[in-house]
Full PDB file with SEQRES, HELIX, SHEET, SSBOND, CRYST1, ORIGX, SCALE, CONECT and MASTER records, all heavy atoms in Angstrom:
SEQRES   1 A   31  GLY ALA THR ILE VAL SER ALA ASN THR LYS GLU GLU ILE          
SEQRES   2 A   31  VAL SER ALA GLY MET GLU LEU LEU GLN GLU MET VAL VAL          
SEQRES   3 A   31  ALA ASN GLY VAL GLU                                          
HELIX    1 AA1 LYS A   10  ASN A   28  1                                  19    
CRYST1    1.000    1.000    1.000  90.00  90.00  90.00 P 1           1          
ORIGX1      1.000000  0.000000  0.000000        0.00000                         
ORIGX2      0.000000  1.000000  0.000000        0.00000                         
ORIGX3      0.000000  0.000000  1.000000        0.00000                         
SCALE1      1.000000  0.000000  0.000000        0.00000                         
SCALE2      0.000000  1.000000  0.000000        0.00000                         
SCALE3      0.000000  0.000000  1.000000        0.00000                         
ATOM      1  N   GLY A   1       0.827  -1.193   0.000  1.00  0.00           N  
ATOM      2  CA  GLY A   1       0.000   0.000   0.000  1.00  0.00           C  
ATOM      3  C   GLY A   1       0.862   1.243   0.000  1.00  0.00           C  
ATOM      4  O   GLY A   1       2.014   1.212   0.436  1.00  0.00           O  
ATOM      5  N   ALA A   2       0.313   2.327  -0.502  1.00  0.00           N  
ATOM      6  CA  ALA A   2       1.025   3.606  -0.511  1.00  0.00           C  
ATOM      7  C   ALA A   2       0.018   4.745  -0.510  1.00  0.00           C  
ATOM      8  O   ALA A   2      -1.120   4.593  -0.960  1.00  0.00           O  
ATOM      9  CB  ALA A   2       1.929   3.716  -1.742  1.00  0.00           C  
ATOM     10  N   THR A   3       0.468   5.872   0.009  1.00  0.00           N  
ATOM     11  CA  THR A   3      -0.349   7.075   0.017  1.00  0.00           C  
ATOM     12  C   THR A   3       0.565   8.289   0.053  1.00  0.00           C  
ATOM     13  O   THR A   3       1.753   8.182   0.378  1.00  0.00           O  
ATOM     14  CB  THR A   3      -1.326   7.092   1.214  1.00  0.00           C  
ATOM     15  OG1 THR A   3      -2.265   8.160   1.036  1.00  0.00           O  
ATOM     16  CG2 THR A   3      -0.612   7.249   2.542  1.00  0.00           C  
ATOM     17  N   ILE A   4       0.005   9.422  -0.250  1.00  0.00           N  
ATOM     18  CA  ILE A   4       0.711  10.696  -0.128  1.00  0.00           C  
ATOM     19  C   ILE A   4       0.281  11.344   1.186  1.00  0.00           C  
ATOM     20  O   ILE A   4      -0.903  11.356   1.521  1.00  0.00           O  
ATOM     21  CB  ILE A   4       0.371  11.630  -1.317  1.00  0.00           C  
ATOM     22  CG1 ILE A   4       0.853  11.013  -2.630  1.00  0.00           C  
ATOM     23  CG2 ILE A   4       0.968  13.017  -1.109  1.00  0.00           C  
ATOM     24  CD1 ILE A   4       2.343  10.762  -2.712  1.00  0.00           C  
ATOM     25  N   VAL A   5       1.248  11.867   1.913  1.00  0.00           N  
ATOM     26  CA  VAL A   5       0.984  12.582   3.165  1.00  0.00           C  
ATOM     27  C   VAL A   5       0.971  14.072   2.826  1.00  0.00           C  
ATOM     28  O   VAL A   5       1.881  14.573   2.166  1.00  0.00           O  
ATOM     29  CB  VAL A   5       2.060  12.257   4.223  1.00  0.00           C  
ATOM     30  CG1 VAL A   5       1.795  13.002   5.511  1.00  0.00           C  
ATOM     31  CG2 VAL A   5       2.133  10.749   4.468  1.00  0.00           C  
ATOM     32  N   SER A   6      -0.050  14.771   3.282  1.00  0.00           N  
ATOM     33  CA  SER A   6      -0.234  16.167   2.873  1.00  0.00           C  
ATOM     34  C   SER A   6       0.762  17.140   3.496  1.00  0.00           C  
ATOM     35  O   SER A   6       1.013  18.200   2.924  1.00  0.00           O  
ATOM     36  CB  SER A   6      -1.663  16.622   3.182  1.00  0.00           C  
ATOM     37  OG  SER A   6      -1.914  16.538   4.564  1.00  0.00           O  
ATOM     38  N   ALA A   7       1.327  16.805   4.655  1.00  0.00           N  
ATOM     39  CA  ALA A   7       2.290  17.696   5.304  1.00  0.00           C  
ATOM     40  C   ALA A   7       3.188  16.880   6.222  1.00  0.00           C  
ATOM     41  O   ALA A   7       2.778  15.844   6.756  1.00  0.00           O  
ATOM     42  CB  ALA A   7       1.571  18.774   6.108  1.00  0.00           C  
ATOM     43  N   ASN A   8       4.391  17.331   6.420  1.00  0.00           N  
ATOM     44  CA  ASN A   8       5.349  16.655   7.295  1.00  0.00           C  
ATOM     45  C   ASN A   8       5.091  17.045   8.750  1.00  0.00           C  
ATOM     46  O   ASN A   8       5.872  17.769   9.363  1.00  0.00           O  
ATOM     47  CB  ASN A   8       6.780  16.986   6.879  1.00  0.00           C  
ATOM     48  CG  ASN A   8       7.794  16.220   7.716  1.00  0.00           C  
ATOM     49  OD1 ASN A   8       7.531  15.114   8.165  1.00  0.00           O  
ATOM     50  ND2 ASN A   8       8.949  16.817   7.918  1.00  0.00           N  
ATOM     51  N   THR A   9       3.964  16.569   9.275  1.00  0.00           N  
ATOM     52  CA  THR A   9       3.636  16.791  10.682  1.00  0.00           C  
ATOM     53  C   THR A   9       3.279  15.448  11.305  1.00  0.00           C  
ATOM     54  O   THR A   9       2.888  14.502  10.603  1.00  0.00           O  
ATOM     55  CB  THR A   9       2.432  17.741  10.852  1.00  0.00           C  
ATOM     56  OG1 THR A   9       1.256  17.112  10.316  1.00  0.00           O  
ATOM     57  CG2 THR A   9       2.673  19.084  10.166  1.00  0.00           C  
ATOM     58  N   LYS A  10       3.395  15.372  12.623  1.00  0.00           N  
ATOM     59  CA  LYS A  10       3.035  14.140  13.324  1.00  0.00           C  
ATOM     60  C   LYS A  10       1.606  13.733  13.003  1.00  0.00           C  
ATOM     61  O   LYS A  10       1.333  12.569  12.692  1.00  0.00           O  
ATOM     62  CB  LYS A  10       3.194  14.328  14.836  1.00  0.00           C  
ATOM     63  CG  LYS A  10       4.618  14.456  15.283  1.00  0.00           C  
ATOM     64  CD  LYS A  10       4.705  14.632  16.794  1.00  0.00           C  
ATOM     65  CE  LYS A  10       6.159  14.770  17.202  1.00  0.00           C  
ATOM     66  NZ  LYS A  10       6.328  14.756  18.657  1.00  0.00           N  
ATOM     67  N   GLU A  11       0.703  14.686  13.087  1.00  0.00           N  
ATOM     68  CA  GLU A  11      -0.710  14.410  12.874  1.00  0.00           C  
ATOM     69  C   GLU A  11      -0.992  13.868  11.475  1.00  0.00           C  
ATOM     70  O   GLU A  11      -1.756  12.909  11.310  1.00  0.00           O  
ATOM     71  CB  GLU A  11      -1.557  15.663  13.126  1.00  0.00           C  
ATOM     72  CG  GLU A  11      -1.486  16.209  14.540  1.00  0.00           C  
ATOM     73  CD  GLU A  11      -0.212  17.016  14.840  1.00  0.00           C  
ATOM     74  OE1 GLU A  11       0.482  17.442  13.897  1.00  0.00           O  
ATOM     75  OE2 GLU A  11       0.089  17.185  16.041  1.00  0.00           O  
ATOM     76  N   GLU A  12      -0.404  14.486  10.467  1.00  0.00           N  
ATOM     77  CA  GLU A  12      -0.666  14.070   9.083  1.00  0.00           C  
ATOM     78  C   GLU A  12      -0.045  12.711   8.775  1.00  0.00           C  
ATOM     79  O   GLU A  12      -0.650  11.899   8.058  1.00  0.00           O  
ATOM     80  CB  GLU A  12      -0.172  15.127   8.089  1.00  0.00           C  
ATOM     81  CG  GLU A  12      -0.992  16.396   8.110  1.00  0.00           C  
ATOM     82  CD  GLU A  12      -2.453  16.174   7.737  1.00  0.00           C  
ATOM     83  OE1 GLU A  12      -2.745  15.344   6.845  1.00  0.00           O  
ATOM     84  OE2 GLU A  12      -3.324  16.827   8.350  1.00  0.00           O  
ATOM     85  N   ILE A  13       1.133  12.434   9.292  1.00  0.00           N  
ATOM     86  CA  ILE A  13       1.771  11.134   9.059  1.00  0.00           C  
ATOM     87  C   ILE A  13       0.960  10.023   9.713  1.00  0.00           C  
ATOM     88  O   ILE A  13       0.677   8.998   9.091  1.00  0.00           O  
ATOM     89  CB  ILE A  13       3.231  11.145   9.555  1.00  0.00           C  
ATOM     90  CG1 ILE A  13       4.077  12.072   8.663  1.00  0.00           C  
ATOM     91  CG2 ILE A  13       3.813   9.736   9.591  1.00  0.00           C  
ATOM     92  CD1 ILE A  13       5.464  12.368   9.179  1.00  0.00           C  
ATOM     93  N   VAL A  14       0.550  10.225  10.960  1.00  0.00           N  
ATOM     94  CA  VAL A  14      -0.246   9.211  11.657  1.00  0.00           C  
ATOM     95  C   VAL A  14      -1.610   9.049  10.990  1.00  0.00           C  
ATOM     96  O   VAL A  14      -2.080   7.924  10.773  1.00  0.00           O  
ATOM     97  CB  VAL A  14      -0.381   9.548  13.153  1.00  0.00           C  
ATOM     98  CG1 VAL A  14      -1.368   8.620  13.840  1.00  0.00           C  
ATOM     99  CG2 VAL A  14       0.980   9.473  13.834  1.00  0.00           C  
ATOM    100  N   SER A  15      -2.248  10.146  10.637  1.00  0.00           N  
ATOM    101  CA  SER A  15      -3.560  10.086   9.986  1.00  0.00           C  
ATOM    102  C   SER A  15      -3.481   9.333   8.656  1.00  0.00           C  
ATOM    103  O   SER A  15      -4.313   8.464   8.370  1.00  0.00           O  
ATOM    104  CB  SER A  15      -4.095  11.496   9.771  1.00  0.00           C  
ATOM    105  OG  SER A  15      -5.302  11.470   9.061  1.00  0.00           O  
ATOM    106  N   ALA A  16      -2.494   9.654   7.841  1.00  0.00           N  
ATOM    107  CA  ALA A  16      -2.333   8.983   6.547  1.00  0.00           C  
ATOM    108  C   ALA A  16      -2.019   7.505   6.737  1.00  0.00           C  
ATOM    109  O   ALA A  16      -2.541   6.655   6.010  1.00  0.00           O  
ATOM    110  CB  ALA A  16      -1.230   9.660   5.739  1.00  0.00           C  
ATOM    111  N   GLY A  17      -1.198   7.195   7.731  1.00  0.00           N  
ATOM    112  CA  GLY A  17      -0.867   5.800   8.010  1.00  0.00           C  
ATOM    113  C   GLY A  17      -2.075   5.002   8.453  1.00  0.00           C  
ATOM    114  O   GLY A  17      -2.286   3.866   8.012  1.00  0.00           O  
ATOM    115  N   MET A  18      -2.894   5.591   9.311  1.00  0.00           N  
ATOM    116  CA  MET A  18      -4.106   4.913   9.772  1.00  0.00           C  
ATOM    117  C   MET A  18      -5.085   4.692   8.623  1.00  0.00           C  
ATOM    118  O   MET A  18      -5.659   3.606   8.483  1.00  0.00           O  
ATOM    119  CB  MET A  18      -4.775   5.704  10.894  1.00  0.00           C  
ATOM    120  CG  MET A  18      -4.028   5.633  12.203  1.00  0.00           C  
ATOM    121  SD  MET A  18      -4.830   6.579  13.501  1.00  0.00           S  
ATOM    122  CE  MET A  18      -5.951   5.341  14.129  1.00  0.00           C  
ATOM    123  N   GLU A  19      -5.280   5.720   7.812  1.00  0.00           N  
ATOM    124  CA  GLU A  19      -6.197   5.598   6.681  1.00  0.00           C  
ATOM    125  C   GLU A  19      -5.750   4.481   5.740  1.00  0.00           C  
ATOM    126  O   GLU A  19      -6.553   3.618   5.346  1.00  0.00           O  
ATOM    127  CB  GLU A  19      -6.285   6.917   5.918  1.00  0.00           C  
ATOM    128  CG  GLU A  19      -7.154   6.838   4.682  1.00  0.00           C  
ATOM    129  CD  GLU A  19      -7.116   8.090   3.819  1.00  0.00           C  
ATOM    130  OE1 GLU A  19      -6.109   8.826   3.832  1.00  0.00           O  
ATOM    131  OE2 GLU A  19      -8.115   8.316   3.119  1.00  0.00           O  
ATOM    132  N   LEU A  20      -4.475   4.464   5.396  1.00  0.00           N  
ATOM    133  CA  LEU A  20      -3.963   3.459   4.470  1.00  0.00           C  
ATOM    134  C   LEU A  20      -4.055   2.065   5.082  1.00  0.00           C  
ATOM    135  O   LEU A  20      -4.531   1.121   4.429  1.00  0.00           O  
ATOM    136  CB  LEU A  20      -2.518   3.786   4.076  1.00  0.00           C  
ATOM    137  CG  LEU A  20      -1.843   2.786   3.148  1.00  0.00           C  
ATOM    138  CD1 LEU A  20      -2.625   2.598   1.857  1.00  0.00           C  
ATOM    139  CD2 LEU A  20      -0.406   3.231   2.869  1.00  0.00           C  
ATOM    140  N   LEU A  21      -3.617   1.920   6.306  1.00  0.00           N  
ATOM    141  CA  LEU A  21      -3.649   0.612   6.952  1.00  0.00           C  
ATOM    142  C   LEU A  21      -5.072   0.077   7.069  1.00  0.00           C  
ATOM    143  O   LEU A  21      -5.341  -1.094   6.777  1.00  0.00           O  
ATOM    144  CB  LEU A  21      -2.985   0.713   8.319  1.00  0.00           C  
ATOM    145  CG  LEU A  21      -2.479  -0.563   8.967  1.00  0.00           C  
ATOM    146  CD1 LEU A  21      -1.622  -1.383   8.022  1.00  0.00           C  
ATOM    147  CD2 LEU A  21      -1.706  -0.225  10.228  1.00  0.00           C  
ATOM    148  N   GLN A  22      -6.003   0.934   7.435  1.00  0.00           N  
ATOM    149  CA  GLN A  22      -7.408   0.511   7.535  1.00  0.00           C  
ATOM    150  C   GLN A  22      -7.957   0.088   6.177  1.00  0.00           C  
ATOM    151  O   GLN A  22      -8.686  -0.905   6.074  1.00  0.00           O  
ATOM    152  CB  GLN A  22      -8.253   1.614   8.159  1.00  0.00           C  
ATOM    153  CG  GLN A  22      -7.977   1.783   9.635  1.00  0.00           C  
ATOM    154  CD  GLN A  22      -8.610   3.028  10.239  1.00  0.00           C  
ATOM    155  OE1 GLN A  22      -9.003   3.953   9.538  1.00  0.00           O  
ATOM    156  NE2 GLN A  22      -8.697   3.048  11.557  1.00  0.00           N  
ATOM    157  N   GLU A  23      -7.617   0.821   5.129  1.00  0.00           N  
ATOM    158  CA  GLU A  23      -8.074   0.462   3.775  1.00  0.00           C  
ATOM    159  C   GLU A  23      -7.509  -0.899   3.363  1.00  0.00           C  
ATOM    160  O   GLU A  23      -8.217  -1.715   2.759  1.00  0.00           O  
ATOM    161  CB  GLU A  23      -7.653   1.525   2.764  1.00  0.00           C  
ATOM    162  CG  GLU A  23      -8.379   2.839   2.900  1.00  0.00           C  
ATOM    163  CD  GLU A  23      -9.773   2.815   2.298  1.00  0.00           C  
ATOM    164  OE1 GLU A  23     -10.041   1.998   1.391  1.00  0.00           O  
ATOM    165  OE2 GLU A  23     -10.607   3.629   2.731  1.00  0.00           O  
ATOM    166  N   MET A  24      -6.253  -1.154   3.708  1.00  0.00           N  
ATOM    167  CA  MET A  24      -5.615  -2.425   3.371  1.00  0.00           C  
ATOM    168  C   MET A  24      -6.279  -3.582   4.109  1.00  0.00           C  
ATOM    169  O   MET A  24      -6.518  -4.648   3.534  1.00  0.00           O  
ATOM    170  CB  MET A  24      -4.118  -2.357   3.694  1.00  0.00           C  
ATOM    171  CG  MET A  24      -3.364  -1.360   2.834  1.00  0.00           C  
ATOM    172  SD  MET A  24      -1.689  -1.034   3.441  1.00  0.00           S  
ATOM    173  CE  MET A  24      -0.863  -2.565   2.987  1.00  0.00           C  
ATOM    174  N   VAL A  25      -6.593  -3.373   5.371  1.00  0.00           N  
ATOM    175  CA  VAL A  25      -7.235  -4.388   6.200  1.00  0.00           C  
ATOM    176  C   VAL A  25      -8.634  -4.701   5.678  1.00  0.00           C  
ATOM    177  O   VAL A  25      -8.997  -5.871   5.498  1.00  0.00           O  
ATOM    178  CB  VAL A  25      -7.275  -3.917   7.676  1.00  0.00           C  
ATOM    179  CG1 VAL A  25      -8.240  -4.730   8.498  1.00  0.00           C  
ATOM    180  CG2 VAL A  25      -5.879  -3.960   8.281  1.00  0.00           C  
ATOM    181  N   VAL A  26      -9.412  -3.681   5.394  1.00  0.00           N  
ATOM    182  CA  VAL A  26     -10.774  -3.875   4.900  1.00  0.00           C  
ATOM    183  C   VAL A  26     -10.761  -4.554   3.528  1.00  0.00           C  
ATOM    184  O   VAL A  26     -11.512  -5.508   3.287  1.00  0.00           O  
ATOM    185  CB  VAL A  26     -11.536  -2.528   4.841  1.00  0.00           C  
ATOM    186  CG1 VAL A  26     -12.848  -2.667   4.086  1.00  0.00           C  
ATOM    187  CG2 VAL A  26     -11.780  -1.999   6.249  1.00  0.00           C  
ATOM    188  N   ALA A  27      -9.910  -4.092   2.629  1.00  0.00           N  
ATOM    189  CA  ALA A  27      -9.870  -4.638   1.269  1.00  0.00           C  
ATOM    190  C   ALA A  27      -9.513  -6.120   1.240  1.00  0.00           C  
ATOM    191  O   ALA A  27      -9.874  -6.828   0.297  1.00  0.00           O  
ATOM    192  CB  ALA A  27      -8.881  -3.844   0.416  1.00  0.00           C  
ATOM    193  N   ASN A  28      -8.793  -6.573   2.275  1.00  0.00           N  
ATOM    194  CA  ASN A  28      -8.342  -7.959   2.296  1.00  0.00           C  
ATOM    195  C   ASN A  28      -8.974  -8.806   3.395  1.00  0.00           C  
ATOM    196  O   ASN A  28      -8.591  -9.957   3.590  1.00  0.00           O  
ATOM    197  CB  ASN A  28      -6.813  -7.987   2.406  1.00  0.00           C  
ATOM    198  CG  ASN A  28      -6.170  -7.526   1.129  1.00  0.00           C  
ATOM    199  OD1 ASN A  28      -6.111  -8.257   0.159  1.00  0.00           O  
ATOM    200  ND2 ASN A  28      -5.729  -6.276   1.114  1.00  0.00           N  
ATOM    201  N   GLY A  29      -9.926  -8.231   4.131  1.00  0.00           N  
ATOM    202  CA  GLY A  29     -10.602  -8.980   5.189  1.00  0.00           C  
ATOM    203  C   GLY A  29      -9.650  -9.474   6.267  1.00  0.00           C  
ATOM    204  O   GLY A  29      -9.792 -10.593   6.748  1.00  0.00           O  
ATOM    205  N   VAL A  30      -8.704  -8.648   6.650  1.00  0.00           N  
ATOM    206  CA  VAL A  30      -7.660  -9.038   7.608  1.00  0.00           C  
ATOM    207  C   VAL A  30      -8.149  -8.859   9.043  1.00  0.00           C  
ATOM    208  O   VAL A  30      -8.705  -7.823   9.395  1.00  0.00           O  
ATOM    209  CB  VAL A  30      -6.386  -8.192   7.380  1.00  0.00           C  
ATOM    210  CG1 VAL A  30      -5.336  -8.489   8.442  1.00  0.00           C  
ATOM    211  CG2 VAL A  30      -5.837  -8.422   5.984  1.00  0.00           C  
ATOM    212  N   GLU A  31      -7.928  -9.867   9.859  1.00  0.00           N  
ATOM    213  CA  GLU A  31      -8.148  -9.786  11.299  1.00  0.00           C  
ATOM    214  C   GLU A  31      -6.799  -9.521  11.956  1.00  0.00           C  
ATOM    215  O   GLU A  31      -5.764  -9.961  11.439  1.00  0.00           O  
ATOM    216  CB  GLU A  31      -8.723 -11.104  11.830  1.00  0.00           C  
ATOM    217  CG  GLU A  31     -10.064 -11.484  11.228  1.00  0.00           C  
ATOM    218  CD  GLU A  31     -11.187 -10.564  11.646  1.00  0.00           C  
ATOM    219  OE1 GLU A  31     -11.136 -10.031  12.775  1.00  0.00           O  
ATOM    220  OE2 GLU A  31     -12.112 -10.356  10.842  1.00  0.00           O  
TER     221      GLU A  31                                                      
MASTER        0    0    0    1    0    0    0    6  220    1    0    3          
END                                                                             
């Protein structure tokens, strides 16, 4: 998985990481 982070801040990096990871989990039915 990959995504673009909108700004080099703690909040944006964590937010982008959570969004991407959640999308990966849902798309693949991962527990």
